[in-house]
C-alpha atoms as a PDB file:
ATOM      1  CA  MET A   1      48.667 111.900 106.211  1.00  0.00           C
ATOM      2  CA  LYS A   2      49.436 114.365 103.142  1.00  0.00           C
ATOM      3  CA  ALA A   3      52.487 115.268 105.201  1.00  0.00           C
ATOM      4  CA  HIS A   4      53.104 111.971 106.517  1.00  0.00           C
ATOM      5  CA  PHE A   5      53.898 110.228 103.250  1.00  0.00           C
ATOM      6  CA  TYR A   6      55.753 114.079 101.959  1.00  0.00           C
ATOM      7  CA  ILE A   7      57.867 112.965 104.832  1.00  0.00           C
ATOM      8  CA  ILE A   8      59.126 109.559 103.785  1.00  0.00           C
ATOM      9  CA  PHE A   9      58.939 109.963 100.060  1.00  0.00           C
ATOM     10  CA  SER A  10      61.582 112.505 100.879  1.00  0.00           C
ATOM     11  CA  VAL A  11      63.776 110.117 103.302  1.00  0.00           C
ATOM     12  CA  LEU A  12      63.488 107.654 100.811  1.00  0.00           C
ATOM     13  CA  PHE A  13      64.118 110.173  97.837  1.00  0.00           C
ATOM     14  CA  ILE A  14      67.795 111.153 100.061  1.00  0.00           C
ATOM     15  CA  SER A  15      68.311 107.902 101.068  1.00  0.00           C
ATOM     16  CA  ILE A  16      68.309 106.880  96.932  1.00  0.00           C
ATOM     17  CA  VAL A  17      70.146 109.685  96.340  1.00  0.00           C
ATOM     18  CA  PHE A  18      72.514 109.448  99.177  1.00  0.00           C
ATOM     19  CA  SER A  19      73.192 105.425  97.878  1.00  0.00           C
ATOM     20  CA  SER A  20      74.265 106.560  94.344  1.00  0.00           C
ATOM     21  CA  CYS A  21      76.737 109.682  95.548  1.00  0.00           C
ATOM     22  CA  GLN A  22      78.909 107.120  98.194  1.00  0.00           C
ATOM     23  CA  SER A  23      78.982 104.354  94.679  1.00  0.00           C
ATOM     24  CA  GLN A  24      80.249 106.731  92.719  1.00  0.00           C
ATOM     25  CA  VAL A  25      83.805 107.644  95.102  1.00  0.00           C
ATOM     26  CA  ILE A  26      86.701 107.369  94.096  1.00  0.00           C
ATOM     27  CA  PRO A  27      89.093 105.204  96.964  1.00  0.00           C
ATOM     28  CA  GLU A  28      91.532 107.907  97.942  1.00  0.00           C
ATOM     29  CA  PHE A  29      95.653 106.389  96.474  1.00  0.00           C
ATOM     30  CA  ASN A  30      97.651 106.231  99.141  1.00  0.00           C
ATOM     31  CA  GLU A  31     101.362 107.224  97.163  1.00  0.00           C
ATOM     32  CA  GLN A  32     103.676 107.093 100.506  1.00  0.00           C
ATOM     33  CA  ASN A  33     102.485 103.186 100.221  1.00  0.00           C
ATOM     34  CA  SER A  34     103.049 103.260  96.569  1.00  0.00           C
ATOM     35  CA  PHE A  35     107.134 105.221  96.816  1.00  0.00           C
ATOM     36  CA  GLN A  36     107.504 102.313  99.423  1.00  0.00           C
ATOM     37  CA  HIS A  37     107.145  99.188  96.744  1.00  0.00           C
ATOM     38  CA  LEU A  38     109.256 101.453  94.344  1.00  0.00           C
ATOM     39  CA  GLU A  39     111.736 101.405  96.958  1.00  0.00           C
ATOM     40  CA  LYS A  40     111.346  98.142  98.553  1.00  0.00           C
ATOM     41  CA  GLN A  41     112.186  97.051  94.626  1.00  0.00           C
ATOM     42  CA  CYS A  42     115.167  98.159  94.678  1.00  0.00           C
ATOM     43  CA  GLU A  43     116.254  97.289  97.328  1.00  0.00           C
ATOM     44  CA  PHE A  44     116.487  93.448  95.913  1.00  0.00           C
ATOM     45  CA  GLY A  45     119.320  95.546  93.633  1.00  0.00           C
ATOM     46  CA  PRO A  46     118.954  95.252  89.469  1.00  0.00           C
ATOM     47  CA  ARG A  47     115.768  92.266  88.767  1.00  0.00           C
ATOM     48  CA  VAL A  48     117.692  90.747  85.726  1.00  0.00           C
ATOM     49  CA  PRO A  49     116.162  87.130  84.963  1.00  0.00           C
ATOM     50  CA  GLY A  50     118.513  84.758  86.269  1.00  0.00           C
ATOM     51  CA  THR A  51     119.928  87.347  88.834  1.00  0.00           C
ATOM     52  CA  GLU A  52     119.169  86.216  93.038  1.00  0.00           C
ATOM     53  CA  ALA A  53     117.466  89.767  93.216  1.00  0.00           C
ATOM     54  CA  HIS A  54     115.044  89.080  91.546  1.00  0.00           C
ATOM     55  CA  ILE A  55     113.212  85.421  92.716  1.00  0.00           C
ATOM     56  CA  LYS A  56     113.469  87.951  95.444  1.00  0.00           C
ATOM     57  CA  CYS A  57     111.548  90.094  94.365  1.00  0.00           C
ATOM     58  CA  ARG A  58     109.586  87.392  92.391  1.00  0.00           C
ATOM     59  CA  ASP A  59     108.487  85.739  95.715  1.00  0.00           C
ATOM     60  CA  TYR A  60     107.947  89.905  97.009  1.00  0.00           C
ATOM     61  CA  LEU A  61     105.310  90.520  94.504  1.00  0.00           C
ATOM     62  CA  ASP A  62     103.457  86.853  94.889  1.00  0.00           C
ATOM     63  CA  GLU A  63     103.513  87.260  98.740  1.00  0.00           C
ATOM     64  CA  THR A  64     101.866  90.733  98.297  1.00  0.00           C
ATOM     65  CA  LEU A  65      99.344  90.294  95.401  1.00  0.00           C
ATOM     66  CA  ARG A  66      98.165  87.439  97.954  1.00  0.00           C
ATOM     67  CA  LYS A  67      96.509  90.142 100.416  1.00  0.00           C
ATOM     68  CA  TYR A  68      94.205  90.781  98.824  1.00  0.00           C
ATOM     69  CA  ALA A  69      93.916  88.782  95.221  1.00  0.00           C
ATOM     70  CA  GLU A  70      91.732  86.036  95.333  1.00  0.00           C
ATOM     71  CA  ARG A  71      93.959  83.585  92.732  1.00  0.00           C
ATOM     72  CA  VAL A  72      98.207  84.805  92.588  1.00  0.00           C
ATOM     73  CA  THR A  73      99.935  82.125  90.053  1.00  0.00           C
ATOM     74  CA  GLN A  74     102.949  82.110  87.991  1.00  0.00           C
ATOM     75  CA  GLN A  75     103.844  81.758  84.253  1.00  0.00           C
ATOM     76  CA  PRO A  76     107.590  80.522  83.920  1.00  0.00           C
ATOM     77  CA  PHE A  77     109.029  80.206  80.432  1.00  0.00           C
ATOM     78  CA  GLN A  78     112.328  80.293  79.361  1.00  0.00           C
ATOM     79  CA  ALA A  79     114.164  82.976  76.976  1.00  0.00           C
ATOM     80  CA  ILE A  80     117.864  83.874  76.335  1.00  0.00           C
ATOM     81  CA  ILE A  81     120.241  86.210  77.866  1.00  0.00           C
ATOM     82  CA  ASP A  82     123.775  87.167  77.042  1.00  0.00           C
ATOM     83  CA  ASN A  83     123.737  83.552  75.220  1.00  0.00           C
ATOM     84  CA  LYS A  84     122.433  81.658  78.407  1.00  0.00           C
ATOM     85  CA  ARG A  85     119.220  80.179  79.042  1.00  0.00           C
ATOM     86  CA  VAL A  86     116.910  81.591  81.709  1.00  0.00           C
ATOM     87  CA  THR A  87     114.054  81.306  83.685  1.00  0.00           C
ATOM     88  CA  CYS A  88     111.551  84.177  83.973  1.00  0.00           C
ATOM     89  CA  TYR A  89     107.761  84.464  85.402  1.00  0.00           C
ATOM     90  CA  ASN A  90     105.238  86.393  84.494  1.00  0.00           C
ATOM     91  CA  ILE A  91     102.694  87.125  87.437  1.00  0.00           C
ATOM     92  CA  ILE A  92      99.218  87.135  87.410  1.00  0.00           C
ATOM     93  CA  ALA A  93      96.258  88.157  90.262  1.00  0.00           C
ATOM     94  CA  ASN A  94      93.045  88.283  89.971  1.00  0.00           C
ATOM     95  CA  PHE A  95      90.158  89.860  91.836  1.00  0.00           C
ATOM     96  CA  HIS A  96      86.589  89.542  92.241  1.00  0.00           C
ATOM     97  CA  SER A  97      86.310  86.446  89.389  1.00  0.00           C
ATOM     98  CA  ALA A  98      82.186  86.184  89.597  1.00  0.00           C
ATOM     99  CA  LYS A  99      82.412  89.040  87.192  1.00  0.00           C
ATOM    100  CA  THR A 100      82.011  89.130  83.809  1.00  0.00           C
ATOM    101  CA  GLN A 101      82.651  93.118  82.931  1.00  0.00           C
ATOM    102  CA  ARG A 102      86.273  92.847  83.704  1.00  0.00           C
ATOM    103  CA  LEU A 103      89.618  95.385  83.393  1.00  0.00           C
ATOM    104  CA  LEU A 104      93.427  94.377  82.822  1.00  0.00           C
ATOM    105  CA  LEU A 105      96.449  96.580  84.421  1.00  0.00           C
ATOM    106  CA  CYS A 106      99.790  96.031  84.019  1.00  0.00           C
ATOM    107  CA  ALA A 107     103.313  96.167  83.973  1.00  0.00           C
ATOM    108  CA  HIS A 108     106.663  94.860  83.283  1.00  0.00           C
ATOM    109  CA  TRP A 109     108.874  94.022  86.193  1.00  0.00           C
ATOM    110  CA  ASP A 110     112.604  92.812  85.145  1.00  0.00           C
ATOM    111  CA  THR A 111     115.217  95.358  84.651  1.00  0.00           C
ATOM    112  CA  ARG A 112     117.212  95.772  81.631  1.00  0.00           C
ATOM    113  CA  PRO A 113     120.945  93.468  81.789  1.00  0.00           C
ATOM    114  CA  TRP A 114     122.403  96.607  80.753  1.00  0.00           C
ATOM    115  CA  ALA A 115     122.936 100.216  81.145  1.00  0.00           C
ATOM    116  CA  ASP A 116     123.573 100.383  77.303  1.00  0.00           C
ATOM    117  CA  LYS A 117     122.677 104.529  77.270  1.00  0.00           C
ATOM    118  CA  ASP A 118     124.573 105.369  80.032  1.00  0.00           C
ATOM    119  CA  PRO A 119     126.442 108.507  78.561  1.00  0.00           C
ATOM    120  CA  ASP A 120     129.842 106.589  80.622  1.00  0.00           C
ATOM    121  CA  PRO A 121     130.758 103.615  78.247  1.00  0.00           C
ATOM    122  CA  ALA A 122     132.650 101.774  81.261  1.00  0.00           C
ATOM    123  CA  ASN A 123     129.095 101.129  82.804  1.00  0.00           C
ATOM    124  CA  HIS A 124     126.661 100.326  79.803  1.00  0.00           C
ATOM    125  CA  THR A 125     127.271  96.412  80.922  1.00  0.00           C
ATOM    126  CA  LYS A 126     126.238  96.982  84.048  1.00  0.00           C
ATOM    127  CA  PRO A 127     122.912  96.363  84.778  1.00  0.00           C
ATOM    128  CA  VAL A 128     119.545  98.866  85.344  1.00  0.00           C
ATOM    129  CA  LEU A 129     118.218 100.099  88.757  1.00  0.00           C
ATOM    130  CA  GLY A 130     115.067 100.354  87.125  1.00  0.00           C
ATOM    131  CA  ALA A 131     113.391 103.063  89.696  1.00  0.00           C
ATOM    132  CA  ASN A 132     111.497 104.223  86.886  1.00  0.00           C
ATOM    133  CA  ASP A 133     111.521 101.172  84.289  1.00  0.00           C
ATOM    134  CA  GLY A 134     110.009  98.346  85.943  1.00  0.00           C
ATOM    135  CA  ALA A 135     109.441  99.807  89.288  1.00  0.00           C
ATOM    136  CA  SER A 136     107.287 102.420  89.602  1.00  0.00           C
ATOM    137  CA  GLY A 137     104.573 101.075  87.124  1.00  0.00           C
ATOM    138  CA  VAL A 138     104.709  98.139  89.359  1.00  0.00           C
ATOM    139  CA  ALA A 139     104.147 100.154  92.312  1.00  0.00           C
ATOM    140  CA  VAL A 140     101.825 102.023  91.324  1.00  0.00           C
ATOM    141  CA  LEU A 141      99.812  98.270  91.086  1.00  0.00           C
ATOM    142  CA  LEU A 142     100.680  97.234  93.830  1.00  0.00           C
ATOM    143  CA  GLU A 143      98.436  99.869  95.630  1.00  0.00           C
ATOM    144  CA  ILE A 144      96.205  99.634  93.739  1.00  0.00           C
ATOM    145  CA  ALA A 145      94.862  95.916  94.628  1.00  0.00           C
ATOM    146  CA  ARG A 146      95.074  96.680  98.094  1.00  0.00           C
ATOM    147  CA  ILE A 147      92.270  99.343  97.009  1.00  0.00           C
ATOM    148  CA  ILE A 148      90.329  97.190  95.068  1.00  0.00           C
ATOM    149  CA  ASP A 149      90.043  94.432  97.532  1.00  0.00           C
ATOM    150  CA  ILE A 150      88.950  96.555 100.176  1.00  0.00           C
ATOM    151  CA  LYS A 151      86.312  98.270  98.347  1.00  0.00           C
ATOM    152  CA  PRO A 152      85.914  96.286  95.220  1.00  0.00           C
ATOM    153  CA  PRO A 153      84.934  98.025  91.550  1.00  0.00           C
ATOM    154  CA  LYS A 154      82.081  97.679  89.442  1.00  0.00           C
ATOM    155  CA  TYR A 155      84.612  95.440  86.912  1.00  0.00           C
ATOM    156  CA  GLY A 156      87.082  92.547  87.591  1.00  0.00           C
ATOM    157  CA  VAL A 157      90.207  93.070  87.792  1.00  0.00           C
ATOM    158  CA  ASP A 158      93.043  90.953  86.329  1.00  0.00           C
ATOM    159  CA  ILE A 159      97.057  92.879  87.408  1.00  0.00           C
ATOM    160  CA  VAL A 160      99.399  90.927  85.009  1.00  0.00           C
ATOM    161  CA  PHE A 161     103.020  91.686  85.778  1.00  0.00           C
ATOM    162  CA  PHE A 162     104.815  90.848  82.982  1.00  0.00           C
ATOM    163  CA  ASP A 163     108.816  89.721  82.796  1.00  0.00           C
ATOM    164  CA  ALA A 164     111.772  90.030  80.696  1.00  0.00           C
ATOM    165  CA  GLU A 165     110.079  93.094  78.760  1.00  0.00           C
ATOM    166  CA  ASP A 166     113.410  94.926  78.856  1.00  0.00           C
ATOM    167  CA  PHE A 167     116.685  92.689  77.179  1.00  0.00           C
ATOM    168  CA  GLY A 168     115.440  92.908  73.914  1.00  0.00           C
ATOM    169  CA  SER A 169     118.185  94.907  71.063  1.00  0.00           C
ATOM    170  CA  TYR A 170     117.432  98.192  69.555  1.00  0.00           C
ATOM    171  CA  GLY A 171     115.557  97.552  65.891  1.00  0.00           C
ATOM    172  CA  GLN A 172     114.600  94.495  66.640  1.00  0.00           C
ATOM    173  CA  ASN A 173     110.774  94.055  67.990  1.00  0.00           C
ATOM    174  CA  ASP A 174     110.791  91.149  68.455  1.00  0.00           C
ATOM    175  CA  THR A 175     113.426  90.283  70.932  1.00  0.00           C
ATOM    176  CA  TRP A 176     111.487  93.035  73.382  1.00  0.00           C
ATOM    177  CA  ALA A 177     108.407  92.154  75.006  1.00  0.00           C
ATOM    178  CA  LEU A 178     108.449  88.430  75.896  1.00  0.00           C
ATOM    179  CA  GLY A 179     106.480  88.177  78.677  1.00  0.00           C
ATOM    180  CA  SER A 180     103.804  89.861  76.866  1.00  0.00           C
ATOM    181  CA  LYS A 181     104.346  87.516  74.326  1.00  0.00           C
ATOM    182  CA  GLN A 182     104.222  84.432  76.541  1.00  0.00           C
ATOM    183  CA  PHE A 183     101.070  85.418  78.221  1.00  0.00           C
ATOM    184  CA  ALA A 184      99.475  86.174  75.379  1.00  0.00           C
ATOM    185  CA  GLN A 185      99.790  83.095  73.247  1.00  0.00           C
ATOM    186  CA  ASN A 186      98.763  80.868  76.689  1.00  0.00           C
ATOM    187  CA  ILE A 187      95.240  83.080  77.438  1.00  0.00           C
ATOM    188  CA  VAL A 188      91.884  81.702  77.356  1.00  0.00           C
ATOM    189  CA  LYS A 189      90.006  81.544  74.387  1.00  0.00           C
ATOM    190  CA  THR A 190      87.468  82.896  76.987  1.00  0.00           C
ATOM    191  CA  TYR A 191      89.397  85.789  78.719  1.00  0.00           C
ATOM    192  CA  HIS A 192      87.980  88.844  76.648  1.00  0.00           C
ATOM    193  CA  PRO A 193      88.661  92.229  79.338  1.00  0.00           C
ATOM    194  CA  GLU A 194      86.861  95.682  78.105  1.00  0.00           C
ATOM    195  CA  PHE A 195      90.038  97.270  77.973  1.00  0.00           C
ATOM    196  CA  GLY A 196      93.536  96.925  79.319  1.00  0.00           C
ATOM    197  CA  ILE A 197      95.906  99.877  80.398  1.00  0.00           C
ATOM    198  CA  LEU A 198      99.796  98.968  80.489  1.00  0.00           C
ATOM    199  CA  LEU A 199     102.233 101.310  83.080  1.00  0.00           C
ATOM    200  CA  ASP A 200     105.501 102.046  81.717  1.00  0.00           C
ATOM    201  CA  LEU A 201     108.244 104.587  82.938  1.00  0.00           C
ATOM    202  CA  ILE A 202     105.294 106.675  85.050  1.00  0.00           C
ATOM    203  CA  GLY A 203     107.269 108.055  88.025  1.00  0.00           C
ATOM    204  CA  ASP A 204     109.397 110.526  86.857  1.00  0.00           C
ATOM    205  CA  THR A 205     109.608 113.774  88.815  1.00  0.00           C
ATOM    206  CA  ASP A 206     109.046 115.740  85.656  1.00  0.00           C
ATOM    207  CA  GLN A 207     106.665 113.539  84.435  1.00  0.00           C
ATOM    208  CA  GLN A 208     104.475 114.121  80.975  1.00  0.00           C
ATOM    209  CA  LEU A 209     102.722 111.294  79.804  1.00  0.00           C
ATOM    210  CA  TYR A 210     101.773 112.528  75.978  1.00  0.00           C
ATOM    211  CA  ILE A 211      99.652 109.753  73.881  1.00  0.00           C
ATOM    212  CA  GLU A 212     101.750 106.912  72.759  1.00  0.00           C
ATOM    213  CA  GLN A 213     101.413 106.021  69.529  1.00  0.00           C
ATOM    214  CA  ASN A 214      99.991 102.937  68.647  1.00  0.00           C
ATOM    215  CA  SER A 215      97.617 103.324  71.322  1.00  0.00           C
ATOM    216  CA  TYR A 216      95.878 106.407  70.206  1.00  0.00           C
ATOM    217  CA  ASN A 217      95.952 104.572  66.658  1.00  0.00           C
ATOM    218  CA  TYR A 218      94.629 101.581  67.816  1.00  0.00           C
ATOM    219  CA  THR A 219      92.204 102.387  70.554  1.00  0.00           C
ATOM    220  CA  ARG A 220      91.539 106.005  70.780  1.00  0.00           C
ATOM    221  CA  GLU A 221      88.192 105.308  72.542  1.00  0.00           C
ATOM    222  CA  ILE A 222      89.513 104.328  76.320  1.00  0.00           C
ATOM    223  CA  VAL A 223      92.607 106.970  75.267  1.00  0.00           C
ATOM    224  CA  GLU A 224      89.638 109.673  75.419  1.00  0.00           C
ATOM    225  CA  LYS A 225      88.121 108.421  77.895  1.00  0.00           C
ATOM    226  CA  VAL A 226      91.200 108.129  80.164  1.00  0.00           C
ATOM    227  CA  TRP A 227      93.323 111.425  79.145  1.00  0.00           C
ATOM    228  CA  ASN A 228      89.297 112.892  79.439  1.00  0.00           C
ATOM    229  CA  ILE A 229      89.559 111.651  83.019  1.00  0.00           C
ATOM    230  CA  ALA A 230      92.801 112.927  84.430  1.00  0.00           C
ATOM    231  CA  GLU A 231      91.236 116.504  82.758  1.00  0.00           C
ATOM    232  CA  GLN A 232      88.414 116.049  85.147  1.00  0.00           C
ATOM    233  CA  MET A 233      90.704 115.474  87.639  1.00  0.00           C
ATOM    234  CA  GLY A 234      93.027 118.331  86.776  1.00  0.00           C
ATOM    235  CA  ILE A 235      95.731 116.427  86.958  1.00  0.00           C
ATOM    236  CA  PRO A 236      98.017 118.589  83.779  1.00  0.00           C
ATOM    237  CA  GLU A 237     100.400 116.113  83.290  1.00  0.00           C
ATOM    238  CA  PHE A 238      98.041 113.577  81.213  1.00  0.00           C
ATOM    239  CA  ILE A 239      98.708 116.069  78.053  1.00  0.00           C
ATOM    240  CA  SER A 240      96.599 115.614  75.088  1.00  0.00           C
ATOM    241  CA  GLU A 241      98.794 115.265  72.457  1.00  0.00           C
ATOM    242  CA  VAL A 242     100.290 111.827  71.172  1.00  0.00           C
ATOM    243  CA  LYS A 243     104.144 111.847  70.903  1.00  0.00           C
ATOM    244  CA  PHE A 244     105.437 108.475  70.777  1.00  0.00           C
ATOM    245  CA  ASP A 245     105.883 105.644  68.926  1.00  0.00           C
ATOM    246  CA  VAL A 246     106.201 102.671  71.435  1.00  0.00           C
ATOM    247  CA  TYR A 247     106.904  98.722  71.149  1.00  0.00           C
ATOM    248  CA  ASP A 248     106.030  97.992  73.998  1.00  0.00           C
ATOM    249  CA  ASP A 249     103.795  95.381  75.814  1.00  0.00           C
ATOM    250  CA  HIS A 250     100.299  95.954  75.116  1.00  0.00           C
ATOM    251  CA  LEU A 251     101.206  95.618  71.452  1.00  0.00           C
ATOM    252  CA  ASN A 252     101.357  91.896  72.399  1.00  0.00           C
ATOM    253  CA  LEU A 253      97.833  91.907  73.647  1.00  0.00           C
ATOM    254  CA  LEU A 254      96.914  94.200  70.679  1.00  0.00           C
ATOM    255  CA  LYS A 255      97.799  91.284  68.133  1.00  0.00           C
ATOM    256  CA  ILE A 256      95.223  89.402  70.210  1.00  0.00           C
ATOM    257  CA  GLY A 257      92.065  91.565  70.434  1.00  0.00           C
ATOM    258  CA  ILE A 258      92.830  92.728  73.620  1.00  0.00           C
ATOM    259  CA  PRO A 259      92.439  96.742  73.155  1.00  0.00           C
ATOM    260  CA  CYS A 260      95.247  98.351  75.205  1.00  0.00           C
ATOM    261  CA  ILE A 261      97.074 101.658  75.543  1.00  0.00           C
ATOM    262  CA  ASN A 262     100.291 102.415  77.416  1.00  0.00           C
ATOM    263  CA  ILE A 263     100.572 105.183  79.083  1.00  0.00           C
ATOM    264  CA  ILE A 264     104.141 106.020  79.643  1.00  0.00           C
ATOM    265  CA  ASP A 265     106.773 108.787  80.508  1.00  0.00           C
ATOM    266  CA  PHE A 266     109.053 107.630  77.922  1.00  0.00           C
ATOM    267  CA  ASP A 267     110.792 112.197  78.164  1.00  0.00           C
ATOM    268  CA  TYR A 268     112.802 109.940  80.810  1.00  0.00           C
ATOM    269  CA  LYS A 269     116.862 110.498  80.760  1.00  0.00           C
ATOM    270  CA  TYR A 270     117.756 108.313  83.005  1.00  0.00           C
ATOM    271  CA  TRP A 271     116.239 105.555  80.390  1.00  0.00           C
ATOM    272  CA  HIS A 272     118.671 102.095  80.646  1.00  0.00           C
ATOM    273  CA  THR A 273     121.366 103.996  82.609  1.00  0.00           C
ATOM    274  CA  ILE A 274     122.653 103.866  85.836  1.00  0.00           C
ATOM    275  CA  GLU A 275     121.474 106.443  87.146  1.00  0.00           C
ATOM    276  CA  ASP A 276     117.724 104.832  86.556  1.00  0.00           C
ATOM    277  CA  THR A 277     117.229 105.266  90.752  1.00  0.00           C
ATOM    278  CA  PRO A 278     114.483 105.899  93.436  1.00  0.00           C
ATOM    279  CA  ASP A 279     115.520 109.691  93.717  1.00  0.00           C
ATOM    280  CA  LYS A 280     114.854 110.404  89.596  1.00  0.00           C
ATOM    281  CA  CYS A 281     111.203 109.646  90.579  1.00  0.00           C
ATOM    282  CA  SER A 282     108.357 110.789  92.605  1.00  0.00           C
ATOM    283  CA  PRO A 283     104.950 109.906  95.038  1.00  0.00           C
ATOM    284  CA  MET A 284     103.409 112.420  93.389  1.00  0.00           C
ATOM    285  CA  SER A 285     103.965 111.249  89.955  1.00  0.00           C
ATOM    286  CA  LEU A 286     103.161 107.772  91.026  1.00  0.00           C
ATOM    287  CA  ASN A 287      99.888 109.745  92.390  1.00  0.00           C
ATOM    288  CA  ASN A 288      98.783 110.799  89.305  1.00  0.00           C
ATOM    289  CA  VAL A 289      98.307 107.923  87.453  1.00  0.00           C
ATOM    290  CA  GLY A 290      97.157 105.473  90.528  1.00  0.00           C
ATOM    291  CA  LYS A 291      94.702 108.280  90.678  1.00  0.00           C
ATOM    292  CA  VAL A 292      93.821 108.024  86.910  1.00  0.00           C
ATOM    293  CA  LEU A 293      93.184 104.272  87.318  1.00  0.00           C
ATOM    294  CA  LEU A 294      91.098 104.690  89.880  1.00  0.00           C
ATOM    295  CA  GLY A 295      89.211 107.072  88.141  1.00  0.00           C
ATOM    296  CA  VAL A 296      88.443 104.475  84.921  1.00  0.00           C
ATOM    297  CA  LEU A 297      87.437 101.727  88.055  1.00  0.00           C
ATOM    298  CA  TYR A 298      85.009 103.458  89.944  1.00  0.00           C
END
């Protein structure tokens, strides 16, 4: 009888331990899926508000998210570009809305209308393709959407693609990040995610993810959580040093009390040039960021 009891107890103990270990398994991020999303966005051309490419990409993002999300909504708003009023669209996807403990993941999906940092002045009026500056963060989050639909994490997740981030004027902060400003102004007062993570310029082949200054100043605990996970995963591209002070979409979220960090690689020599093309990006770089996000979620 005693031996029989020990056998039953051992089986139960092993089952509990195995179940506990299984619950901690982090799903695999498919970097090729993600990179295909990057390339697909670029196939539409520059996603400048008011253009056909912008509308086609909006529809692609909406349709892709609807495969995985519980609900997808568009938040249209008006903005002025080149003295012309255009319609912009934030795209909001909600996953497992019954879960009260939630995380916000976001990126901007528009591209800059002018390559005004290009070394050739003749290119300054041309639009930017935005493989890294826009498409890379979106590509990672589209793959994340697929994964969390298959294997729900402990958090409920909201993915937001902000529009009109990238046609501001240098030195005039209020002219940038218009989509996140619109989102922040219209957010329901009952929405209180645990924290948010913004992705921007994360696909560079020479990836170096230093800590952004505002993220460190206002949400240091989240920064340390994310960079510690990267270290535990052996991803050296996440560098635990503060380097850049970037005005980006996360600041509009911080202003309304949503703690949000910005994962950004601002050492990108093709920023706001016509050379911001898919060949300057790497599936491995998308994989590095995707793996860390999954580490946070699971």
